[in-house]
Amino acid sequence: MEKFMIAYYGGNQPSSQEEGMAQMGKWKEWVEGLGEKVINPGTPLPDSRIVTSNSVKDDDDPNAMKGFAVVKAESMEAAVEIAQSDPFL
């Protein structure tokens, strides 16, 4: 099996603690359902920087990358199916 990264961009924060807990419950269920296909279930990226040879600046774009997960799949198509099943879409 090959490894694939699912990158999370943009998105909205939950409007309440209850909504956040419900989202997290769905996400945990999704990860558990993937079983051994999960290499890294998710790494949030709360802050990011844009680094060039001349400068470093905050990436304050609301659609900046916010996190990633890594999964194993037989093909790109299979990895896309996994990504499409993610409850955070």
C-alpha atoms as a PDB file:
ATOM      1  CA  MET A   1       0.000   0.000   0.000  1.00  0.00           C
ATOM      2  CA  GLU A   2       1.072   3.552  -0.687  1.00  0.00           C
ATOM      3  CA  LYS A   3       0.963   6.495   1.716  1.00  0.00           C
ATOM      4  CA  PHE A   4      -1.207   9.552   0.994  1.00  0.00           C
ATOM      5  CA  MET A   5      -1.588  12.860   2.804  1.00  0.00           C
ATOM      6  CA  ILE A   6      -5.013  14.407   3.305  1.00  0.00           C
ATOM      7  CA  ALA A   7      -4.509  18.171   3.639  1.00  0.00           C
ATOM      8  CA  TYR A   8      -7.104  20.298   5.431  1.00  0.00           C
ATOM      9  CA  TYR A   9      -7.585  23.882   4.220  1.00  0.00           C
ATOM     10  CA  GLY A  10      -9.781  26.666   5.583  1.00  0.00           C
ATOM     11  CA  GLY A  11     -12.845  25.672   7.554  1.00  0.00           C
ATOM     12  CA  ASN A  12     -14.777  27.107  10.445  1.00  0.00           C
ATOM     13  CA  GLN A  13     -14.376  26.642  14.168  1.00  0.00           C
ATOM     14  CA  PRO A  14     -17.298  25.035  16.019  1.00  0.00           C
ATOM     15  CA  SER A  15     -19.780  27.599  17.324  1.00  0.00           C
ATOM     16  CA  SER A  16     -19.958  25.950  20.751  1.00  0.00           C
ATOM     17  CA  GLN A  17     -18.140  23.450  22.920  1.00  0.00           C
ATOM     18  CA  GLU A  18     -20.972  20.974  22.363  1.00  0.00           C
ATOM     19  CA  GLU A  19     -20.671  21.281  18.581  1.00  0.00           C
ATOM     20  CA  GLY A  20     -16.908  20.791  18.850  1.00  0.00           C
ATOM     21  CA  MET A  21     -17.346  17.669  20.956  1.00  0.00           C
ATOM     22  CA  ALA A  22     -19.894  16.265  18.481  1.00  0.00           C
ATOM     23  CA  GLN A  23     -17.510  16.903  15.568  1.00  0.00           C
ATOM     24  CA  MET A  24     -14.648  15.273  17.459  1.00  0.00           C
ATOM     25  CA  GLY A  25     -16.830  12.230  18.179  1.00  0.00           C
ATOM     26  CA  LYS A  26     -17.612  11.805  14.478  1.00  0.00           C
ATOM     27  CA  TRP A  27     -13.935  12.212  13.619  1.00  0.00           C
ATOM     28  CA  LYS A  28     -12.846   9.600  16.205  1.00  0.00           C
ATOM     29  CA  GLU A  29     -15.431   7.168  14.832  1.00  0.00           C
ATOM     30  CA  TRP A  30     -14.126   7.775  11.298  1.00  0.00           C
ATOM     31  CA  VAL A  31     -10.494   7.177  12.355  1.00  0.00           C
ATOM     32  CA  GLU A  32     -11.404   3.996  14.230  1.00  0.00           C
ATOM     33  CA  GLY A  33     -13.323   2.762  11.174  1.00  0.00           C
ATOM     34  CA  LEU A  34     -10.239   3.183   8.987  1.00  0.00           C
ATOM     35  CA  GLY A  35      -8.254   0.828  11.219  1.00  0.00           C
ATOM     36  CA  GLU A  36      -4.753   0.050   9.934  1.00  0.00           C
ATOM     37  CA  LYS A  37      -5.177   2.416   6.976  1.00  0.00           C
ATOM     38  CA  VAL A  38      -4.361   5.287   9.356  1.00  0.00           C
ATOM     39  CA  ILE A  39      -0.703   6.245   9.695  1.00  0.00           C
ATOM     40  CA  ASN A  40      -1.272   9.688  11.237  1.00  0.00           C
ATOM     41  CA  PRO A  41      -4.902  10.378  12.182  1.00  0.00           C
ATOM     42  CA  GLY A  42      -4.469  14.133  12.108  1.00  0.00           C
ATOM     43  CA  THR A  43      -2.068  16.910  12.934  1.00  0.00           C
ATOM     44  CA  PRO A  44      -3.538  20.391  13.354  1.00  0.00           C
ATOM     45  CA  LEU A  45      -1.484  23.351  12.167  1.00  0.00           C
ATOM     46  CA  PRO A  46      -2.733  26.313  14.199  1.00  0.00           C
ATOM     47  CA  ASP A  47      -0.055  28.719  12.921  1.00  0.00           C
ATOM     48  CA  SER A  48       1.821  28.746   9.657  1.00  0.00           C
ATOM     49  CA  ARG A  49       4.451  30.942   8.056  1.00  0.00           C
ATOM     50  CA  ILE A  50       5.377  31.657   4.471  1.00  0.00           C
ATOM     51  CA  VAL A  51       9.150  31.329   4.171  1.00  0.00           C
ATOM     52  CA  THR A  52      11.121  32.547   1.167  1.00  0.00           C
ATOM     53  CA  SER A  53      14.828  33.181   0.687  1.00  0.00           C
ATOM     54  CA  ASN A  54      14.176  36.861   1.517  1.00  0.00           C
ATOM     55  CA  SER A  55      11.457  36.895   4.151  1.00  0.00           C
ATOM     56  CA  VAL A  56       9.230  35.144   6.644  1.00  0.00           C
ATOM     57  CA  LYS A  57       5.646  36.256   7.155  1.00  0.00           C
ATOM     58  CA  ASP A  58       2.529  34.969   8.868  1.00  0.00           C
ATOM     59  CA  ASP A  59       0.171  33.061   6.599  1.00  0.00           C
ATOM     60  CA  ASP A  60      -3.066  34.791   7.556  1.00  0.00           C
ATOM     61  CA  ASP A  61      -5.039  33.542   4.545  1.00  0.00           C
ATOM     62  CA  PRO A  62      -8.322  32.074   5.875  1.00  0.00           C
ATOM     63  CA  ASN A  63      -7.893  29.215   3.376  1.00  0.00           C
ATOM     64  CA  ALA A  64      -4.369  28.344   4.528  1.00  0.00           C
ATOM     65  CA  MET A  65      -3.550  24.740   5.314  1.00  0.00           C
ATOM     66  CA  LYS A  66      -4.931  23.969   8.793  1.00  0.00           C
ATOM     67  CA  GLY A  67      -3.810  20.377   9.241  1.00  0.00           C
ATOM     68  CA  PHE A  68      -3.162  17.008   7.670  1.00  0.00           C
ATOM     69  CA  ALA A  69      -3.631  13.276   8.060  1.00  0.00           C
ATOM     70  CA  VAL A  70      -1.705  10.390   6.471  1.00  0.00           C
ATOM     71  CA  VAL A  71      -3.368   7.180   5.312  1.00  0.00           C
ATOM     72  CA  LYS A  72      -2.425   3.991   3.461  1.00  0.00           C
ATOM     73  CA  ALA A  73      -4.368   3.038   0.354  1.00  0.00           C
ATOM     74  CA  GLU A  74      -3.987   0.791  -2.700  1.00  0.00           C
ATOM     75  CA  SER A  75      -4.284   3.719  -5.142  1.00  0.00           C
ATOM     76  CA  MET A  76      -4.967   7.431  -5.474  1.00  0.00           C
ATOM     77  CA  GLU A  77      -8.611   6.589  -6.152  1.00  0.00           C
ATOM     78  CA  ALA A  78      -8.826   4.614  -2.906  1.00  0.00           C
ATOM     79  CA  ALA A  79      -7.166   7.482  -1.013  1.00  0.00           C
ATOM     80  CA  VAL A  80      -9.697   9.929  -2.497  1.00  0.00           C
ATOM     81  CA  GLU A  81     -12.518   7.669  -1.276  1.00  0.00           C
ATOM     82  CA  ILE A  82     -11.040   7.749   2.223  1.00  0.00           C
ATOM     83  CA  ALA A  83     -10.737  11.539   2.096  1.00  0.00           C
ATOM     84  CA  GLN A  84     -14.318  11.910   0.844  1.00  0.00           C
ATOM     85  CA  SER A  85     -15.559   9.907   3.837  1.00  0.00           C
ATOM     86  CA  ASP A  86     -13.939  12.350   6.293  1.00  0.00           C
ATOM     87  CA  PRO A  87     -16.651  13.925   8.484  1.00  0.00           C
ATOM     88  CA  PHE A  88     -14.880  17.307   8.442  1.00  0.00           C
ATOM     89  CA  LEU A  89     -15.611  17.829   4.732  1.00  0.00           C
END
